[in-house]
N, C-alpha and C. Protein backbone atom coordinates (compact mmCIF):
# COMPACT_ATOMS: atom_id res chain seq x y z
N UNK A 1 91.15 127.77 110.91
CA UNK A 1 91.19 128.55 109.71
C UNK A 1 89.84 129.22 109.54
N UNK A 2 89.80 130.53 109.50
CA UNK A 2 88.54 131.22 109.30
C UNK A 2 88.06 131.04 107.87
N UNK A 3 86.76 130.88 107.73
CA UNK A 3 86.17 130.70 106.41
C UNK A 3 85.23 131.85 106.14
N UNK A 4 85.40 132.44 104.97
CA UNK A 4 84.53 133.53 104.55
C UNK A 4 83.85 133.09 103.28
N UNK A 5 82.54 133.21 103.25
CA UNK A 5 81.82 132.85 102.05
C UNK A 5 81.77 134.06 101.14
N UNK A 6 82.28 133.87 99.92
CA UNK A 6 82.43 135.00 99.03
C UNK A 6 82.26 134.50 97.60
N UNK A 7 81.52 135.25 96.84
CA UNK A 7 81.39 134.93 95.43
C UNK A 7 82.04 136.08 94.67
N UNK A 8 83.07 135.76 93.94
CA UNK A 8 83.80 136.81 93.23
C UNK A 8 84.31 136.25 91.91
N UNK A 9 84.52 137.13 90.99
CA UNK A 9 85.13 136.74 89.74
C UNK A 9 86.52 137.37 89.70
N UNK A 10 87.51 136.49 89.64
CA UNK A 10 88.89 136.96 89.59
C UNK A 10 89.50 136.56 88.25
N UNK A 11 90.27 137.45 87.72
CA UNK A 11 90.99 137.12 86.48
C UNK A 11 92.19 136.26 86.86
N UNK A 12 92.76 135.56 85.89
CA UNK A 12 93.97 134.79 86.19
C UNK A 12 95.10 135.65 86.76
N UNK A 13 95.13 136.93 86.41
CA UNK A 13 96.15 137.82 86.94
C UNK A 13 95.88 138.18 88.40
N UNK A 14 94.61 138.24 88.79
CA UNK A 14 94.24 138.62 90.16
C UNK A 14 94.32 137.44 91.12
N UNK A 15 94.21 136.26 90.60
CA UNK A 15 94.17 135.06 91.45
C UNK A 15 95.44 134.91 92.31
N UNK A 16 96.64 135.07 91.76
CA UNK A 16 97.84 134.94 92.61
C UNK A 16 97.85 135.95 93.76
N UNK A 17 97.35 137.13 93.53
CA UNK A 17 97.30 138.13 94.62
C UNK A 17 96.37 137.66 95.73
N UNK A 18 95.25 137.09 95.34
CA UNK A 18 94.30 136.58 96.35
C UNK A 18 94.91 135.40 97.10
N UNK A 19 95.55 134.50 96.38
CA UNK A 19 96.17 133.33 97.01
C UNK A 19 97.31 133.76 97.92
N UNK A 20 97.98 134.83 97.57
CA UNK A 20 99.07 135.34 98.39
C UNK A 20 98.65 135.76 99.78
N UNK A 21 97.39 135.93 100.00
CA UNK A 21 96.88 136.32 101.32
C UNK A 21 96.70 135.12 102.25
N UNK A 22 96.84 133.92 101.71
CA UNK A 22 96.66 132.72 102.52
C UNK A 22 97.85 132.52 103.44
N UNK A 23 97.61 131.86 104.58
CA UNK A 23 98.72 131.48 105.47
C UNK A 23 99.51 130.36 104.78
N UNK A 24 100.68 130.08 105.29
CA UNK A 24 101.52 129.05 104.68
C UNK A 24 100.83 127.68 104.64
N UNK A 25 100.24 127.22 105.74
CA UNK A 25 99.54 125.92 105.66
C UNK A 25 98.37 125.95 104.67
N UNK A 26 97.63 127.05 104.63
CA UNK A 26 96.52 127.18 103.69
C UNK A 26 97.04 127.19 102.25
N UNK A 27 98.16 127.88 102.05
CA UNK A 27 98.77 127.94 100.71
C UNK A 27 99.21 126.55 100.26
N UNK A 28 99.83 125.80 101.17
CA UNK A 28 100.25 124.44 100.82
C UNK A 28 99.06 123.57 100.47
N UNK A 29 97.99 123.65 101.23
CA UNK A 29 96.79 122.86 100.94
C UNK A 29 96.19 123.28 99.60
N UNK A 30 96.15 124.58 99.37
CA UNK A 30 95.61 125.10 98.11
C UNK A 30 96.47 124.63 96.94
N UNK A 31 97.79 124.70 97.08
CA UNK A 31 98.69 124.26 96.01
C UNK A 31 98.49 122.78 95.71
N UNK A 32 98.33 121.97 96.75
CA UNK A 32 98.07 120.54 96.55
C UNK A 32 96.77 120.32 95.79
N UNK A 33 95.75 121.09 96.15
CA UNK A 33 94.47 120.98 95.45
C UNK A 33 94.60 121.36 93.98
N UNK A 34 95.35 122.42 93.70
CA UNK A 34 95.56 122.86 92.32
C UNK A 34 96.33 121.79 91.53
N UNK A 35 97.37 121.24 92.13
CA UNK A 35 98.15 120.20 91.45
C UNK A 35 97.30 118.96 91.17
N UNK A 36 96.44 118.60 92.11
CA UNK A 36 95.54 117.46 91.91
C UNK A 36 94.58 117.74 90.76
N UNK A 37 94.02 118.93 90.74
CA UNK A 37 93.11 119.33 89.67
C UNK A 37 93.82 119.26 88.32
N UNK A 38 95.05 119.77 88.26
CA UNK A 38 95.82 119.76 87.01
C UNK A 38 96.09 118.32 86.57
N UNK A 39 96.49 117.48 87.49
CA UNK A 39 96.77 116.08 87.16
C UNK A 39 95.54 115.38 86.60
N UNK A 40 94.39 115.66 87.18
CA UNK A 40 93.15 115.05 86.70
C UNK A 40 92.84 115.50 85.28
N UNK A 41 93.17 116.73 84.97
CA UNK A 41 92.87 117.26 83.63
C UNK A 41 93.82 116.75 82.56
N UNK A 42 95.08 116.58 82.90
CA UNK A 42 96.05 116.19 81.88
C UNK A 42 96.27 114.68 81.81
N UNK A 43 95.82 113.96 82.81
CA UNK A 43 96.00 112.51 82.81
C UNK A 43 95.14 111.88 81.72
N UNK A 44 95.70 110.86 81.06
CA UNK A 44 94.90 110.20 80.03
C UNK A 44 93.69 109.50 80.66
N UNK A 45 92.59 109.59 79.99
CA UNK A 45 91.36 108.96 80.47
C UNK A 45 91.03 107.77 79.58
N UNK A 46 90.78 106.64 80.16
CA UNK A 46 90.41 105.46 79.40
C UNK A 46 88.91 105.44 79.18
N UNK A 47 88.54 104.97 78.01
CA UNK A 47 87.11 104.76 77.78
C UNK A 47 86.69 103.55 78.61
N UNK A 48 85.40 103.38 78.80
CA UNK A 48 84.94 102.24 79.61
C UNK A 48 85.30 100.93 78.92
N UNK A 49 85.31 100.92 77.58
CA UNK A 49 85.69 99.70 76.84
C UNK A 49 87.17 99.37 77.08
N UNK A 50 88.03 100.40 77.05
CA UNK A 50 89.45 100.19 77.30
C UNK A 50 89.69 99.72 78.73
N UNK A 51 88.99 100.30 79.67
CA UNK A 51 89.13 99.90 81.07
C UNK A 51 88.72 98.45 81.26
N UNK A 52 87.63 98.05 80.61
CA UNK A 52 87.17 96.67 80.71
C UNK A 52 88.20 95.71 80.12
N UNK A 53 88.75 96.06 78.96
CA UNK A 53 89.77 95.22 78.33
C UNK A 53 91.01 95.08 79.22
N UNK A 54 91.44 96.18 79.83
CA UNK A 54 92.60 96.11 80.71
C UNK A 54 92.33 95.24 81.93
N UNK A 55 91.13 95.29 82.45
CA UNK A 55 90.78 94.43 83.58
C UNK A 55 90.83 92.97 83.17
N UNK A 56 90.34 92.66 81.98
CA UNK A 56 90.38 91.28 81.49
C UNK A 56 91.82 90.81 81.30
N UNK A 57 92.65 91.67 80.73
CA UNK A 57 94.05 91.32 80.51
C UNK A 57 94.74 91.04 81.84
N UNK A 58 94.48 91.86 82.82
CA UNK A 58 95.17 91.74 84.10
C UNK A 58 94.62 90.63 84.98
N UNK A 59 93.52 90.02 84.60
CA UNK A 59 92.98 88.90 85.39
C UNK A 59 93.86 87.67 85.25
N UNK A 60 94.56 87.55 84.15
CA UNK A 60 95.39 86.38 83.94
C UNK A 60 94.59 85.25 83.32
N UNK A 61 95.28 84.14 83.12
CA UNK A 61 94.64 82.99 82.50
C UNK A 61 93.91 82.15 83.54
N UNK A 62 92.91 81.39 83.10
CA UNK A 62 92.29 80.44 84.02
C UNK A 62 93.35 79.44 84.50
N UNK A 63 93.18 78.89 85.69
CA UNK A 63 94.18 78.02 86.31
C UNK A 63 94.62 76.87 85.39
N UNK A 64 93.67 76.21 84.78
CA UNK A 64 93.98 75.06 83.91
C UNK A 64 94.87 75.49 82.74
N UNK A 65 94.51 76.59 82.11
CA UNK A 65 95.28 77.08 80.97
C UNK A 65 96.65 77.58 81.40
N UNK A 66 96.74 78.23 82.55
CA UNK A 66 98.04 78.69 83.07
C UNK A 66 98.95 77.50 83.36
N UNK A 67 98.38 76.44 83.91
CA UNK A 67 99.17 75.24 84.21
C UNK A 67 99.74 74.65 82.93
N UNK A 68 98.92 74.55 81.89
CA UNK A 68 99.39 74.01 80.61
C UNK A 68 100.47 74.91 80.00
N UNK A 69 100.28 76.21 80.09
CA UNK A 69 101.27 77.16 79.58
C UNK A 69 102.61 76.97 80.31
N UNK A 70 102.56 76.86 81.64
CA UNK A 70 103.78 76.67 82.42
C UNK A 70 104.49 75.38 82.04
N UNK A 71 103.71 74.32 81.79
CA UNK A 71 104.30 73.05 81.37
C UNK A 71 105.02 73.19 80.03
N UNK A 72 104.40 73.87 79.09
CA UNK A 72 105.01 74.06 77.78
C UNK A 72 106.28 74.91 77.87
N UNK A 73 106.25 75.94 78.70
CA UNK A 73 107.44 76.77 78.88
C UNK A 73 108.58 75.93 79.48
N UNK A 74 108.26 75.11 80.45
CA UNK A 74 109.28 74.26 81.07
C UNK A 74 109.86 73.29 80.04
N UNK A 75 109.01 72.73 79.19
CA UNK A 75 109.49 71.82 78.13
C UNK A 75 110.42 72.55 77.17
N UNK A 76 110.02 73.75 76.77
CA UNK A 76 110.84 74.54 75.85
C UNK A 76 112.19 74.84 76.47
N UNK A 77 112.20 75.20 77.73
CA UNK A 77 113.47 75.52 78.41
C UNK A 77 114.35 74.27 78.52
N UNK A 78 113.74 73.14 78.81
CA UNK A 78 114.50 71.89 78.91
C UNK A 78 115.14 71.55 77.57
N UNK A 79 114.40 71.70 76.48
CA UNK A 79 114.95 71.41 75.15
C UNK A 79 116.05 72.40 74.81
N UNK A 80 115.89 73.65 75.17
CA UNK A 80 116.93 74.64 74.90
C UNK A 80 118.19 74.29 75.68
N UNK A 81 118.02 73.79 76.89
CA UNK A 81 119.16 73.39 77.70
C UNK A 81 119.89 72.22 77.06
N UNK A 82 119.14 71.27 76.53
CA UNK A 82 119.75 70.12 75.85
C UNK A 82 120.56 70.60 74.65
N UNK A 83 119.98 71.48 73.83
CA UNK A 83 120.70 71.98 72.66
C UNK A 83 121.92 72.79 73.07
N UNK A 84 121.82 73.56 74.14
CA UNK A 84 122.96 74.34 74.61
C UNK A 84 124.08 73.42 75.07
N UNK A 85 123.74 72.34 75.73
CA UNK A 85 124.75 71.38 76.18
C UNK A 85 125.41 70.71 74.99
N UNK A 86 124.60 70.37 73.99
CA UNK A 86 125.16 69.70 72.81
C UNK A 86 126.09 70.63 72.04
N UNK A 87 125.86 71.92 72.11
CA UNK A 87 126.69 72.88 71.40
C UNK A 87 127.99 73.19 72.14
N UNK A 88 128.07 72.81 73.40
CA UNK A 88 129.26 73.08 74.20
C UNK A 88 130.43 72.28 73.63
N UNK A 89 131.64 72.88 73.55
CA UNK A 89 132.80 72.19 72.96
C UNK A 89 133.09 70.82 73.57
N UNK A 90 132.90 70.67 74.87
CA UNK A 90 133.14 69.37 75.49
C UNK A 90 132.19 68.33 74.94
N UNK A 91 130.95 68.69 74.78
CA UNK A 91 129.96 67.74 74.25
C UNK A 91 130.25 67.42 72.79
N UNK A 92 130.75 68.40 72.04
CA UNK A 92 131.06 68.14 70.64
C UNK A 92 132.17 67.11 70.52
N UNK A 93 133.16 67.19 71.38
CA UNK A 93 134.23 66.20 71.37
C UNK A 93 133.70 64.83 71.73
N UNK A 94 132.82 64.77 72.73
CA UNK A 94 132.26 63.48 73.14
C UNK A 94 131.41 62.90 72.02
N UNK A 95 130.63 63.75 71.34
CA UNK A 95 129.81 63.28 70.24
C UNK A 95 130.67 62.73 69.11
N UNK A 96 131.78 63.41 68.81
CA UNK A 96 132.67 62.95 67.74
C UNK A 96 133.28 61.60 68.10
N UNK A 97 133.65 61.44 69.37
CA UNK A 97 134.29 60.18 69.76
C UNK A 97 133.32 59.02 69.75
N UNK A 98 132.04 59.28 70.02
CA UNK A 98 131.06 58.19 70.03
C UNK A 98 130.53 57.91 68.63
N UNK A 99 130.55 58.89 67.75
CA UNK A 99 130.04 58.67 66.41
C UNK A 99 131.15 58.36 65.41
N UNK A 100 132.40 58.53 65.84
CA UNK A 100 133.54 58.23 64.98
C UNK A 100 133.89 59.33 64.02
N UNK A 101 133.38 60.54 64.21
CA UNK A 101 133.71 61.65 63.31
C UNK A 101 134.91 62.40 63.77
């Protein structure tokens, strides 16, 4: 690809005409560069404080605390399973027969 060093001021109306002179591969590369530039401009930018907070959030819990959390979740699920079983019609009949109700 030949490169010409040129300093020029083009209006937005003149720019497409200049770009139209590029070969197809050059045009594709140029279009990719323009799309990247646009994405950088419109993408939300996090402040350094927000970025730091997101990094802390995504680190997860310390191992000891995560282990305790997992134990509590397992206990909660086990208790929910017990209550679900007790609510099942078969269990209600068994409970009535053992309690005399």
